[in-house]
Amino acid sequence: MIALLIVWLLALASPGPDFLAVTHAAMARSRRDAKWVGLGVTSANALWIFGSLAGVTVLLTRVQVVYETIRIAGALYLLYLSFQMLRSIRRRGESVQAAVVKTEPRSRAAAWRVGALTNLGNPKVAVFFTSVFAAILPADLSWGQRIAAGLSLVIMAAAWFSVVLARVFSLPRIASGYRRARRYIDGATGVILAGLAVRVGVEG
């Protein structure tokens, strides 16, 4: 269990689409918005985690058509998010005052959906959990122990995305710095998301 939690902590700390979705929501919108994006990411992770523990995701990774469909859809969704960010910074005639006004927060459902779709669109997460569980967890683990392991990972994900990242990146000083450099940060985030989309789409 200790080895599993350490591996998962390192995976959570690695910047990726989930990290970018939550931190950008915290800086550009609000802590509340970022919290719900984080809960969306956590919900999707819960599906991958318990699906892997039950052996369901093994079928997903072996049914090529399903796997490829999810992979391409996920890449297209990341490209859509990238396009939205890059389009927002290319708008001409925007006043300086408008540039520093915080974006209006989304509804809880909309924020949750962004987080969930960002995570669900990457079937490599299923491969990750399936591989980690096979390498670390004993084959004769009871269902009670499997559920306990899965819940531990879900709780860690919720704490990281919806508490730590949402709180840290929505701090007034960080949010203020974002508003001053919004165009540059959104531009860099959009480019990174596009790169991640290409990576998800190209790597089989």
N, C-alpha and C. Protein backbone atom coordinates (compact mmCIF):
# COMPACT_ATOMS: atom_id res chain seq x y z
N MET A 1 0.82 -1.20 0.00
CA MET A 1 0.00 0.00 0.00
C MET A 1 0.86 1.26 0.00
N ILE A 2 1.95 1.24 0.78
CA ILE A 2 2.84 2.40 0.83
C ILE A 2 3.46 2.66 -0.55
N ALA A 3 3.91 1.60 -1.21
CA ALA A 3 4.49 1.74 -2.54
C ALA A 3 3.47 2.29 -3.52
N LEU A 4 2.23 1.80 -3.43
CA LEU A 4 1.17 2.26 -4.32
C LEU A 4 0.88 3.74 -4.12
N LEU A 5 0.81 4.17 -2.86
CA LEU A 5 0.52 5.57 -2.57
C LEU A 5 1.65 6.49 -3.02
N ILE A 6 2.89 6.03 -2.90
CA ILE A 6 4.03 6.84 -3.33
C ILE A 6 4.00 7.02 -4.85
N VAL A 7 3.74 5.93 -5.57
CA VAL A 7 3.67 6.01 -7.04
C VAL A 7 2.55 6.95 -7.46
N TRP A 8 1.41 6.86 -6.79
CA TRP A 8 0.26 7.70 -7.14
C TRP A 8 0.54 9.16 -6.82
N LEU A 9 1.23 9.43 -5.71
CA LEU A 9 1.58 10.80 -5.35
C LEU A 9 2.49 11.42 -6.41
N LEU A 10 3.46 10.65 -6.89
CA LEU A 10 4.36 11.14 -7.93
C LEU A 10 3.59 11.39 -9.23
N ALA A 11 2.63 10.51 -9.52
CA ALA A 11 1.83 10.70 -10.74
C ALA A 11 0.97 11.95 -10.64
N LEU A 12 0.39 12.19 -9.46
CA LEU A 12 -0.44 13.38 -9.27
C LEU A 12 0.39 14.66 -9.42
N ALA A 13 1.63 14.62 -8.92
CA ALA A 13 2.47 15.81 -8.94
C ALA A 13 3.02 16.13 -10.31
N SER A 14 2.92 15.18 -11.24
CA SER A 14 3.44 15.40 -12.59
C SER A 14 2.47 16.28 -13.38
N PRO A 15 2.92 17.42 -13.89
CA PRO A 15 2.02 18.30 -14.66
C PRO A 15 1.49 17.60 -15.91
N GLY A 16 0.21 17.74 -16.13
CA GLY A 16 -0.44 17.15 -17.30
C GLY A 16 -1.74 17.88 -17.55
N PRO A 17 -2.61 17.33 -18.41
CA PRO A 17 -3.89 18.00 -18.71
C PRO A 17 -4.73 18.27 -17.47
N ASP A 18 -4.79 17.31 -16.54
CA ASP A 18 -5.58 17.50 -15.32
C ASP A 18 -5.04 18.66 -14.49
N PHE A 19 -3.74 18.68 -14.32
CA PHE A 19 -3.07 19.75 -13.57
C PHE A 19 -3.37 21.11 -14.20
N LEU A 20 -3.25 21.19 -15.52
CA LEU A 20 -3.48 22.46 -16.22
C LEU A 20 -4.93 22.91 -16.10
N ALA A 21 -5.87 21.96 -16.21
CA ALA A 21 -7.29 22.31 -16.14
C ALA A 21 -7.64 22.91 -14.79
N VAL A 22 -7.12 22.31 -13.72
CA VAL A 22 -7.46 22.78 -12.37
C VAL A 22 -6.75 24.09 -12.05
N THR A 23 -5.47 24.18 -12.33
CA THR A 23 -4.73 25.39 -11.99
C THR A 23 -5.21 26.60 -12.80
N HIS A 24 -5.53 26.37 -14.06
CA HIS A 24 -6.02 27.49 -14.88
C HIS A 24 -7.38 27.96 -14.37
N ALA A 25 -8.24 27.02 -13.98
CA ALA A 25 -9.55 27.41 -13.43
C ALA A 25 -9.37 28.21 -12.15
N ALA A 26 -8.40 27.82 -11.32
CA ALA A 26 -8.17 28.54 -10.06
C ALA A 26 -7.69 29.96 -10.30
N MET A 27 -6.78 30.13 -11.27
CA MET A 27 -6.24 31.47 -11.53
C MET A 27 -7.20 32.34 -12.32
N ALA A 28 -7.85 31.76 -13.33
CA ALA A 28 -8.66 32.56 -14.25
C ALA A 28 -10.09 32.76 -13.75
N ARG A 29 -10.58 31.85 -12.91
CA ARG A 29 -11.97 31.93 -12.50
C ARG A 29 -12.09 32.08 -10.99
N SER A 30 -12.07 30.96 -10.25
CA SER A 30 -12.21 31.05 -8.80
C SER A 30 -11.82 29.73 -8.17
N ARG A 31 -11.62 29.77 -6.84
CA ARG A 31 -11.31 28.54 -6.11
C ARG A 31 -12.47 27.56 -6.22
N ARG A 32 -13.69 28.07 -6.15
CA ARG A 32 -14.88 27.22 -6.26
C ARG A 32 -14.91 26.51 -7.61
N ASP A 33 -14.63 27.25 -8.67
CA ASP A 33 -14.62 26.65 -10.01
C ASP A 33 -13.55 25.57 -10.11
N ALA A 34 -12.36 25.88 -9.60
CA ALA A 34 -11.26 24.91 -9.65
C ALA A 34 -11.59 23.67 -8.83
N LYS A 35 -12.28 23.85 -7.71
CA LYS A 35 -12.65 22.72 -6.87
C LYS A 35 -13.53 21.75 -7.65
N TRP A 36 -14.48 22.27 -8.41
CA TRP A 36 -15.38 21.40 -9.17
C TRP A 36 -14.70 20.78 -10.37
N VAL A 37 -13.77 21.51 -10.98
CA VAL A 37 -12.96 20.89 -12.04
C VAL A 37 -12.17 19.72 -11.45
N GLY A 38 -11.59 19.96 -10.26
CA GLY A 38 -10.84 18.90 -9.58
C GLY A 38 -11.71 17.70 -9.23
N LEU A 39 -12.96 17.95 -8.82
CA LEU A 39 -13.87 16.85 -8.52
C LEU A 39 -14.23 16.07 -9.78
N GLY A 40 -14.31 16.78 -10.91
CA GLY A 40 -14.54 16.08 -12.18
C GLY A 40 -13.39 15.17 -12.53
N VAL A 41 -12.16 15.68 -12.36
CA VAL A 41 -10.97 14.86 -12.60
C VAL A 41 -10.96 13.66 -11.66
N THR A 42 -11.29 13.89 -10.39
CA THR A 42 -11.29 12.81 -9.41
C THR A 42 -12.35 11.76 -9.74
N SER A 43 -13.52 12.20 -10.18
CA SER A 43 -14.58 11.26 -10.55
C SER A 43 -14.14 10.35 -11.69
N ALA A 44 -13.50 10.95 -12.70
CA ALA A 44 -13.00 10.16 -13.82
C ALA A 44 -11.90 9.20 -13.37
N ASN A 45 -11.02 9.69 -12.50
CA ASN A 45 -9.97 8.81 -11.96
C ASN A 45 -10.58 7.63 -11.20
N ALA A 46 -11.67 7.90 -10.47
CA ALA A 46 -12.33 6.82 -9.72
C ALA A 46 -12.82 5.73 -10.66
N LEU A 47 -13.35 6.13 -11.81
CA LEU A 47 -13.81 5.14 -12.80
C LEU A 47 -12.64 4.30 -13.30
N TRP A 48 -11.52 4.96 -13.62
CA TRP A 48 -10.34 4.23 -14.09
C TRP A 48 -9.79 3.32 -13.00
N ILE A 49 -9.75 3.83 -11.77
CA ILE A 49 -9.16 3.07 -10.65
C ILE A 49 -9.96 1.80 -10.37
N PHE A 50 -11.26 1.96 -10.15
CA PHE A 50 -12.06 0.79 -9.79
C PHE A 50 -12.29 -0.12 -11.00
N GLY A 51 -12.28 0.48 -12.20
CA GLY A 51 -12.36 -0.36 -13.39
C GLY A 51 -11.12 -1.22 -13.55
N SER A 52 -9.96 -0.65 -13.20
CA SER A 52 -8.71 -1.41 -13.27
C SER A 52 -8.66 -2.49 -12.21
N LEU A 53 -9.10 -2.15 -11.00
CA LEU A 53 -9.11 -3.13 -9.92
C LEU A 53 -10.04 -4.29 -10.23
N ALA A 54 -11.12 -4.01 -10.96
CA ALA A 54 -12.08 -5.06 -11.32
C ALA A 54 -11.69 -5.79 -12.60
N GLY A 55 -10.65 -5.30 -13.27
CA GLY A 55 -10.20 -5.95 -14.49
C GLY A 55 -10.93 -5.49 -15.74
N VAL A 56 -11.85 -4.51 -15.59
CA VAL A 56 -12.63 -4.05 -16.74
C VAL A 56 -11.76 -3.31 -17.75
N THR A 57 -10.82 -2.49 -17.26
CA THR A 57 -10.01 -1.69 -18.17
C THR A 57 -9.04 -2.55 -18.99
N VAL A 58 -8.80 -3.77 -18.56
CA VAL A 58 -7.98 -4.67 -19.38
C VAL A 58 -8.66 -4.91 -20.71
N LEU A 59 -9.99 -5.07 -20.66
CA LEU A 59 -10.76 -5.26 -21.90
C LEU A 59 -10.68 -4.01 -22.77
N LEU A 60 -10.77 -2.83 -22.11
CA LEU A 60 -10.70 -1.56 -22.85
C LEU A 60 -9.39 -1.45 -23.62
N THR A 61 -8.28 -1.76 -22.94
CA THR A 61 -6.98 -1.60 -23.57
C THR A 61 -6.73 -2.64 -24.65
N ARG A 62 -7.49 -3.74 -24.63
CA ARG A 62 -7.28 -4.79 -25.63
C ARG A 62 -8.27 -4.71 -26.79
N VAL A 63 -9.39 -4.00 -26.61
CA VAL A 63 -10.33 -3.79 -27.71
C VAL A 63 -9.88 -2.54 -28.45
N GLN A 64 -9.15 -2.73 -29.53
CA GLN A 64 -8.46 -1.64 -30.20
C GLN A 64 -9.40 -0.53 -30.67
N VAL A 65 -10.56 -0.91 -31.18
CA VAL A 65 -11.48 0.11 -31.72
C VAL A 65 -11.96 1.05 -30.61
N VAL A 66 -12.33 0.48 -29.47
CA VAL A 66 -12.79 1.30 -28.34
C VAL A 66 -11.67 2.18 -27.83
N TYR A 67 -10.50 1.59 -27.67
CA TYR A 67 -9.35 2.34 -27.16
C TYR A 67 -9.01 3.51 -28.08
N GLU A 68 -8.95 3.24 -29.39
CA GLU A 68 -8.60 4.29 -30.35
C GLU A 68 -9.66 5.38 -30.39
N THR A 69 -10.93 4.99 -30.27
CA THR A 69 -12.01 5.98 -30.29
C THR A 69 -11.88 6.94 -29.11
N ILE A 70 -11.65 6.39 -27.93
CA ILE A 70 -11.49 7.24 -26.74
C ILE A 70 -10.25 8.11 -26.88
N ARG A 71 -9.18 7.54 -27.41
CA ARG A 71 -7.92 8.29 -27.54
C ARG A 71 -8.08 9.47 -28.50
N ILE A 72 -8.70 9.24 -29.64
CA ILE A 72 -8.88 10.32 -30.62
C ILE A 72 -9.84 11.37 -30.09
N ALA A 73 -10.93 10.92 -29.44
CA ALA A 73 -11.88 11.88 -28.87
C ALA A 73 -11.21 12.73 -27.79
N GLY A 74 -10.37 12.11 -26.99
CA GLY A 74 -9.66 12.86 -25.96
C GLY A 74 -8.70 13.88 -26.54
N ALA A 75 -8.00 13.49 -27.60
CA ALA A 75 -7.07 14.42 -28.26
C ALA A 75 -7.83 15.60 -28.85
N LEU A 76 -8.98 15.33 -29.44
CA LEU A 76 -9.78 16.41 -30.03
C LEU A 76 -10.30 17.35 -28.95
N TYR A 77 -10.66 16.80 -27.78
CA TYR A 77 -11.16 17.64 -26.70
C TYR A 77 -10.04 18.55 -26.17
N LEU A 78 -8.84 18.01 -26.03
CA LEU A 78 -7.72 18.84 -25.59
C LEU A 78 -7.41 19.93 -26.61
N LEU A 79 -7.53 19.60 -27.90
CA LEU A 79 -7.34 20.60 -28.94
C LEU A 79 -8.40 21.69 -28.84
N TYR A 80 -9.62 21.29 -28.51
CA TYR A 80 -10.71 22.26 -28.35
C TYR A 80 -10.39 23.23 -27.20
N LEU A 81 -9.94 22.69 -26.07
CA LEU A 81 -9.56 23.55 -24.94
C LEU A 81 -8.42 24.48 -25.32
N SER A 82 -7.45 23.95 -26.06
CA SER A 82 -6.33 24.77 -26.52
C SER A 82 -6.81 25.90 -27.42
N PHE A 83 -7.70 25.55 -28.35
CA PHE A 83 -8.23 26.55 -29.28
C PHE A 83 -8.97 27.65 -28.53
N GLN A 84 -9.76 27.28 -27.52
CA GLN A 84 -10.51 28.26 -26.74
C GLN A 84 -9.58 29.25 -26.05
N MET A 85 -8.47 28.75 -25.51
CA MET A 85 -7.53 29.63 -24.82
C MET A 85 -6.80 30.54 -25.80
N LEU A 86 -6.32 29.96 -26.89
CA LEU A 86 -5.58 30.75 -27.86
C LEU A 86 -6.48 31.78 -28.54
N ARG A 87 -7.74 31.43 -28.77
CA ARG A 87 -8.65 32.38 -29.40
C ARG A 87 -8.93 33.56 -28.48
N SER A 88 -8.99 33.28 -27.17
CA SER A 88 -9.30 34.36 -26.22
C SER A 88 -8.20 35.41 -26.16
N ILE A 89 -6.94 35.00 -26.41
CA ILE A 89 -5.85 35.98 -26.31
C ILE A 89 -5.60 36.68 -27.64
N ARG A 90 -6.24 36.21 -28.72
CA ARG A 90 -6.04 36.83 -30.03
C ARG A 90 -7.13 37.82 -30.38
N ARG A 91 -8.08 37.99 -29.46
CA ARG A 91 -9.13 38.95 -29.72
C ARG A 91 -8.55 40.36 -29.77
N ARG A 92 -8.88 41.09 -30.81
CA ARG A 92 -8.32 42.43 -30.95
C ARG A 92 -9.28 43.46 -30.37
N GLY A 93 -8.70 44.59 -30.02
CA GLY A 93 -9.51 45.67 -29.51
C GLY A 93 -9.93 45.51 -28.06
N GLU A 94 -9.34 44.55 -27.37
CA GLU A 94 -9.69 44.36 -25.97
C GLU A 94 -9.00 45.45 -25.14
N SER A 95 -9.75 46.08 -24.30
CA SER A 95 -9.18 47.15 -23.48
C SER A 95 -8.31 46.57 -22.38
N VAL A 96 -7.47 47.43 -21.84
CA VAL A 96 -6.60 47.00 -20.75
C VAL A 96 -7.44 46.60 -19.54
N GLN A 97 -8.51 47.35 -19.28
CA GLN A 97 -9.36 47.02 -18.14
C GLN A 97 -10.02 45.66 -18.33
N ALA A 98 -10.48 45.37 -19.53
CA ALA A 98 -11.12 44.08 -19.79
C ALA A 98 -10.14 42.94 -19.63
N ALA A 99 -8.88 43.22 -19.91
CA ALA A 99 -7.87 42.17 -19.86
C ALA A 99 -7.59 41.70 -18.44
N VAL A 100 -7.86 42.55 -17.45
CA VAL A 100 -7.55 42.17 -16.09
C VAL A 100 -8.78 41.75 -15.29
N VAL A 101 -9.95 41.75 -15.93
CA VAL A 101 -11.16 41.33 -15.25
C VAL A 101 -11.22 39.81 -15.25
N LYS A 102 -11.51 39.25 -14.10
CA LYS A 102 -11.55 37.80 -14.00
C LYS A 102 -12.73 37.23 -14.78
N THR A 103 -12.54 36.11 -15.42
CA THR A 103 -13.59 35.44 -16.15
C THR A 103 -14.69 35.01 -15.19
N GLU A 104 -15.93 35.13 -15.63
CA GLU A 104 -17.04 34.72 -14.79
C GLU A 104 -16.98 33.22 -14.54
N PRO A 105 -17.21 32.79 -13.30
CA PRO A 105 -17.16 31.36 -13.00
C PRO A 105 -18.28 30.60 -13.69
N ARG A 106 -18.00 29.34 -14.03
CA ARG A 106 -18.99 28.48 -14.65
C ARG A 106 -19.90 27.89 -13.58
N SER A 107 -20.94 27.21 -14.04
CA SER A 107 -21.78 26.47 -13.11
C SER A 107 -20.97 25.29 -12.58
N ARG A 108 -21.40 24.71 -11.49
CA ARG A 108 -20.69 23.57 -10.93
C ARG A 108 -20.65 22.41 -11.91
N ALA A 109 -21.78 22.18 -12.57
CA ALA A 109 -21.86 21.07 -13.52
C ALA A 109 -20.90 21.28 -14.69
N ALA A 110 -20.82 22.52 -15.18
CA ALA A 110 -19.93 22.81 -16.31
C ALA A 110 -18.47 22.63 -15.92
N ALA A 111 -18.11 23.10 -14.73
CA ALA A 111 -16.73 22.95 -14.27
C ALA A 111 -16.40 21.48 -14.04
N TRP A 112 -17.33 20.74 -13.44
CA TRP A 112 -17.12 19.31 -13.21
C TRP A 112 -16.93 18.59 -14.54
N ARG A 113 -17.72 18.96 -15.54
CA ARG A 113 -17.65 18.31 -16.85
C ARG A 113 -16.29 18.53 -17.51
N VAL A 114 -15.74 19.73 -17.38
CA VAL A 114 -14.42 20.00 -17.95
C VAL A 114 -13.38 19.06 -17.35
N GLY A 115 -13.40 18.93 -16.02
CA GLY A 115 -12.43 18.06 -15.37
C GLY A 115 -12.61 16.60 -15.76
N ALA A 116 -13.87 16.14 -15.77
CA ALA A 116 -14.14 14.74 -16.08
C ALA A 116 -13.74 14.40 -17.51
N LEU A 117 -14.11 15.25 -18.46
CA LEU A 117 -13.80 14.96 -19.86
C LEU A 117 -12.30 15.05 -20.14
N THR A 118 -11.63 15.96 -19.46
CA THR A 118 -10.18 16.07 -19.64
C THR A 118 -9.49 14.77 -19.25
N ASN A 119 -9.93 14.17 -18.15
CA ASN A 119 -9.31 12.92 -17.69
C ASN A 119 -9.79 11.71 -18.47
N LEU A 120 -11.08 11.63 -18.73
CA LEU A 120 -11.63 10.46 -19.43
C LEU A 120 -11.13 10.35 -20.86
N GLY A 121 -10.73 11.49 -21.43
CA GLY A 121 -10.27 11.48 -22.82
C GLY A 121 -8.88 10.90 -23.01
N ASN A 122 -8.25 10.45 -21.94
CA ASN A 122 -6.91 9.88 -22.05
C ASN A 122 -6.92 8.43 -21.58
N PRO A 123 -7.12 7.46 -22.49
CA PRO A 123 -7.18 6.05 -22.08
C PRO A 123 -5.86 5.53 -21.53
N LYS A 124 -4.78 6.29 -21.71
CA LYS A 124 -3.50 5.86 -21.14
C LYS A 124 -3.55 5.82 -19.62
N VAL A 125 -4.52 6.55 -19.03
CA VAL A 125 -4.70 6.48 -17.59
C VAL A 125 -5.10 5.06 -17.19
N ALA A 126 -5.94 4.44 -18.02
CA ALA A 126 -6.34 3.05 -17.74
C ALA A 126 -5.14 2.12 -17.82
N VAL A 127 -4.28 2.36 -18.80
CA VAL A 127 -3.06 1.54 -18.94
C VAL A 127 -2.17 1.74 -17.71
N PHE A 128 -2.08 2.99 -17.25
CA PHE A 128 -1.25 3.30 -16.08
C PHE A 128 -1.72 2.51 -14.86
N PHE A 129 -3.01 2.62 -14.55
CA PHE A 129 -3.53 1.93 -13.36
C PHE A 129 -3.42 0.42 -13.49
N THR A 130 -3.75 -0.10 -14.67
CA THR A 130 -3.66 -1.54 -14.86
C THR A 130 -2.23 -2.04 -14.64
N SER A 131 -1.26 -1.29 -15.17
CA SER A 131 0.14 -1.68 -15.04
C SER A 131 0.62 -1.56 -13.59
N VAL A 132 0.26 -0.45 -12.94
CA VAL A 132 0.71 -0.22 -11.56
C VAL A 132 0.11 -1.27 -10.62
N PHE A 133 -1.18 -1.52 -10.77
CA PHE A 133 -1.82 -2.51 -9.90
C PHE A 133 -1.23 -3.90 -10.11
N ALA A 134 -0.95 -4.25 -11.37
CA ALA A 134 -0.38 -5.57 -11.66
C ALA A 134 1.03 -5.68 -11.06
N ALA A 135 1.78 -4.57 -11.05
CA ALA A 135 3.16 -4.62 -10.58
C ALA A 135 3.28 -4.55 -9.06
N ILE A 136 2.32 -3.89 -8.40
CA ILE A 136 2.46 -3.63 -6.97
C ILE A 136 1.53 -4.49 -6.11
N LEU A 137 0.27 -4.60 -6.51
CA LEU A 137 -0.69 -5.29 -5.66
C LEU A 137 -0.61 -6.80 -5.81
N PRO A 138 -0.68 -7.56 -4.72
CA PRO A 138 -0.68 -9.02 -4.80
C PRO A 138 -1.91 -9.52 -5.55
N ALA A 139 -1.76 -10.62 -6.27
CA ALA A 139 -2.86 -11.16 -7.05
C ALA A 139 -4.00 -11.68 -6.17
N ASP A 140 -3.66 -12.11 -4.94
CA ASP A 140 -4.67 -12.69 -4.06
C ASP A 140 -5.30 -11.68 -3.12
N LEU A 141 -5.21 -10.39 -3.48
CA LEU A 141 -5.77 -9.33 -2.64
C LEU A 141 -7.29 -9.50 -2.55
N SER A 142 -7.84 -9.39 -1.34
CA SER A 142 -9.28 -9.53 -1.15
C SER A 142 -10.00 -8.31 -1.73
N TRP A 143 -11.31 -8.45 -1.96
CA TRP A 143 -12.07 -7.33 -2.50
C TRP A 143 -12.13 -6.18 -1.51
N GLY A 144 -12.15 -6.49 -0.22
CA GLY A 144 -12.12 -5.43 0.78
C GLY A 144 -10.85 -4.62 0.70
N GLN A 145 -9.73 -5.30 0.51
CA GLN A 145 -8.44 -4.61 0.39
C GLN A 145 -8.36 -3.83 -0.92
N ARG A 146 -8.94 -4.37 -1.99
CA ARG A 146 -8.95 -3.66 -3.27
C ARG A 146 -9.74 -2.36 -3.17
N ILE A 147 -10.90 -2.45 -2.51
CA ILE A 147 -11.73 -1.26 -2.35
C ILE A 147 -11.02 -0.23 -1.48
N ALA A 148 -10.36 -0.70 -0.42
CA ALA A 148 -9.62 0.23 0.46
C ALA A 148 -8.50 0.92 -0.31
N ALA A 149 -7.79 0.16 -1.16
CA ALA A 149 -6.71 0.75 -1.96
C ALA A 149 -7.27 1.77 -2.94
N GLY A 150 -8.38 1.41 -3.59
CA GLY A 150 -8.99 2.33 -4.55
C GLY A 150 -9.47 3.61 -3.90
N LEU A 151 -10.13 3.49 -2.74
CA LEU A 151 -10.62 4.67 -2.03
C LEU A 151 -9.48 5.57 -1.59
N SER A 152 -8.36 4.97 -1.19
CA SER A 152 -7.19 5.76 -0.79
C SER A 152 -6.69 6.62 -1.94
N LEU A 153 -6.64 6.04 -3.14
CA LEU A 153 -6.18 6.78 -4.31
C LEU A 153 -7.17 7.89 -4.68
N VAL A 154 -8.46 7.59 -4.58
CA VAL A 154 -9.47 8.60 -4.91
C VAL A 154 -9.41 9.77 -3.93
N ILE A 155 -9.26 9.47 -2.64
CA ILE A 155 -9.17 10.52 -1.62
C ILE A 155 -7.94 11.39 -1.85
N MET A 156 -6.82 10.75 -2.20
CA MET A 156 -5.61 11.52 -2.49
C MET A 156 -5.81 12.44 -3.68
N ALA A 157 -6.47 11.94 -4.73
CA ALA A 157 -6.72 12.75 -5.92
C ALA A 157 -7.61 13.94 -5.58
N ALA A 158 -8.67 13.70 -4.81
CA ALA A 158 -9.58 14.79 -4.44
C ALA A 158 -8.85 15.85 -3.62
N ALA A 159 -8.01 15.40 -2.68
CA ALA A 159 -7.27 16.34 -1.84
C ALA A 159 -6.29 17.17 -2.67
N TRP A 160 -5.62 16.52 -3.62
CA TRP A 160 -4.62 17.22 -4.43
C TRP A 160 -5.26 18.23 -5.37
N PHE A 161 -6.26 17.78 -6.13
CA PHE A 161 -6.85 18.66 -7.15
C PHE A 161 -7.81 19.69 -6.56
N SER A 162 -8.72 19.26 -5.69
CA SER A 162 -9.79 20.14 -5.22
C SER A 162 -9.45 20.94 -3.97
N VAL A 163 -8.38 20.56 -3.29
CA VAL A 163 -7.99 21.31 -2.08
C VAL A 163 -6.66 22.02 -2.30
N VAL A 164 -5.60 21.26 -2.55
CA VAL A 164 -4.26 21.85 -2.65
C VAL A 164 -4.14 22.77 -3.86
N LEU A 165 -4.34 22.22 -5.07
CA LEU A 165 -4.17 23.04 -6.27
C LEU A 165 -5.19 24.17 -6.34
N ALA A 166 -6.45 23.85 -6.04
CA ALA A 166 -7.49 24.88 -6.10
C ALA A 166 -7.21 26.02 -5.13
N ARG A 167 -6.70 25.69 -3.96
CA ARG A 167 -6.42 26.73 -2.96
C ARG A 167 -5.16 27.53 -3.29
N VAL A 168 -4.09 26.82 -3.62
CA VAL A 168 -2.80 27.50 -3.85
C VAL A 168 -2.88 28.43 -5.05
N PHE A 169 -3.43 27.96 -6.17
CA PHE A 169 -3.43 28.76 -7.38
C PHE A 169 -4.53 29.80 -7.44
N SER A 170 -5.41 29.82 -6.42
CA SER A 170 -6.41 30.89 -6.35
C SER A 170 -6.06 31.94 -5.30
N LEU A 171 -4.88 31.80 -4.69
CA LEU A 171 -4.45 32.81 -3.72
C LEU A 171 -4.39 34.17 -4.39
N PRO A 172 -4.77 35.24 -3.69
CA PRO A 172 -4.84 36.57 -4.30
C PRO A 172 -3.59 36.99 -5.05
N ARG A 173 -2.42 36.71 -4.49
CA ARG A 173 -1.18 37.13 -5.15
C ARG A 173 -0.98 36.39 -6.47
N ILE A 174 -1.26 35.09 -6.48
CA ILE A 174 -1.10 34.30 -7.70
C ILE A 174 -2.15 34.69 -8.72
N ALA A 175 -3.41 34.84 -8.27
CA ALA A 175 -4.49 35.23 -9.19
C ALA A 175 -4.23 36.61 -9.78
N SER A 176 -3.71 37.52 -8.96
CA SER A 176 -3.41 38.86 -9.45
C SER A 176 -2.29 38.82 -10.48
N GLY A 177 -1.27 38.02 -10.21
CA GLY A 177 -0.19 37.87 -11.18
C GLY A 177 -0.68 37.28 -12.47
N TYR A 178 -1.62 36.34 -12.38
CA TYR A 178 -2.19 35.75 -13.60
C TYR A 178 -2.91 36.81 -14.42
N ARG A 179 -3.73 37.63 -13.77
CA ARG A 179 -4.49 38.63 -14.50
C ARG A 179 -3.59 39.63 -15.21
N ARG A 180 -2.43 39.92 -14.60
CA ARG A 180 -1.50 40.85 -15.25
C ARG A 180 -0.81 40.21 -16.45
N ALA A 181 -0.57 38.92 -16.38
CA ALA A 181 0.14 38.23 -17.47
C ALA A 181 -0.78 37.23 -18.17
N ARG A 182 -2.08 37.53 -18.17
CA ARG A 182 -3.07 36.58 -18.68
C ARG A 182 -2.77 36.10 -20.09
N ARG A 183 -2.46 37.02 -20.97
CA ARG A 183 -2.23 36.65 -22.37
C ARG A 183 -1.07 35.67 -22.51
N TYR A 184 0.00 35.92 -21.78
CA TYR A 184 1.18 35.06 -21.88
C TYR A 184 0.90 33.68 -21.28
N ILE A 185 0.23 33.68 -20.12
CA ILE A 185 -0.04 32.41 -19.45
C ILE A 185 -1.04 31.59 -20.25
N ASP A 186 -2.10 32.23 -20.74
CA ASP A 186 -3.08 31.51 -21.54
C ASP A 186 -2.46 31.01 -22.84
N GLY A 187 -1.57 31.82 -23.41
CA GLY A 187 -0.90 31.39 -24.63
C GLY A 187 -0.04 30.16 -24.39
N ALA A 188 0.74 30.20 -23.31
CA ALA A 188 1.60 29.06 -22.99
C ALA A 188 0.77 27.82 -22.66
N THR A 189 -0.31 28.02 -21.90
CA THR A 189 -1.17 26.89 -21.55
C THR A 189 -1.82 26.30 -22.79
N GLY A 190 -2.28 27.17 -23.70
CA GLY A 190 -2.90 26.69 -24.93
C GLY A 190 -1.93 25.88 -25.77
N VAL A 191 -0.70 26.34 -25.86
CA VAL A 191 0.32 25.62 -26.64
C VAL A 191 0.63 24.27 -25.99
N ILE A 192 0.75 24.27 -24.66
CA ILE A 192 1.03 23.01 -23.95
C ILE A 192 -0.11 22.02 -24.14
N LEU A 193 -1.35 22.50 -24.04
CA LEU A 193 -2.50 21.62 -24.25
C LEU A 193 -2.51 21.06 -25.66
N ALA A 194 -2.16 21.90 -26.63
CA ALA A 194 -2.10 21.42 -28.01
C ALA A 194 -1.04 20.34 -28.15
N GLY A 195 0.11 20.55 -27.49
CA GLY A 195 1.16 19.54 -27.53
C GLY A 195 0.74 18.23 -26.88
N LEU A 196 0.02 18.35 -25.76
CA LEU A 196 -0.49 17.14 -25.09
C LEU A 196 -1.52 16.44 -25.96
N ALA A 197 -2.34 17.22 -26.68
CA ALA A 197 -3.34 16.63 -27.57
C ALA A 197 -2.67 15.84 -28.68
N VAL A 198 -1.62 16.42 -29.25
CA VAL A 198 -0.90 15.72 -30.30
C VAL A 198 -0.25 14.45 -29.75
N ARG A 199 0.28 14.55 -28.55
CA ARG A 199 0.91 13.37 -27.93
C ARG A 199 -0.11 12.25 -27.70
N VAL A 200 -1.29 12.62 -27.17
CA VAL A 200 -2.33 11.62 -26.94
C VAL A 200 -2.81 11.03 -28.25
N GLY A 201 -2.94 11.89 -29.28
CA GLY A 201 -3.45 11.43 -30.56
C GLY A 201 -2.48 10.59 -31.35
N VAL A 202 -1.19 10.88 -31.21
CA VAL A 202 -0.19 10.19 -32.01
C VAL A 202 0.29 8.91 -31.36
N GLU A 203 0.53 8.97 -30.06
CA GLU A 203 1.06 7.80 -29.37
C GLU A 203 -0.04 6.78 -29.14
N GLY A 204 0.11 5.60 -29.66
CA GLY A 204 -0.89 4.56 -29.51
C GLY A 204 -0.69 3.75 -28.26
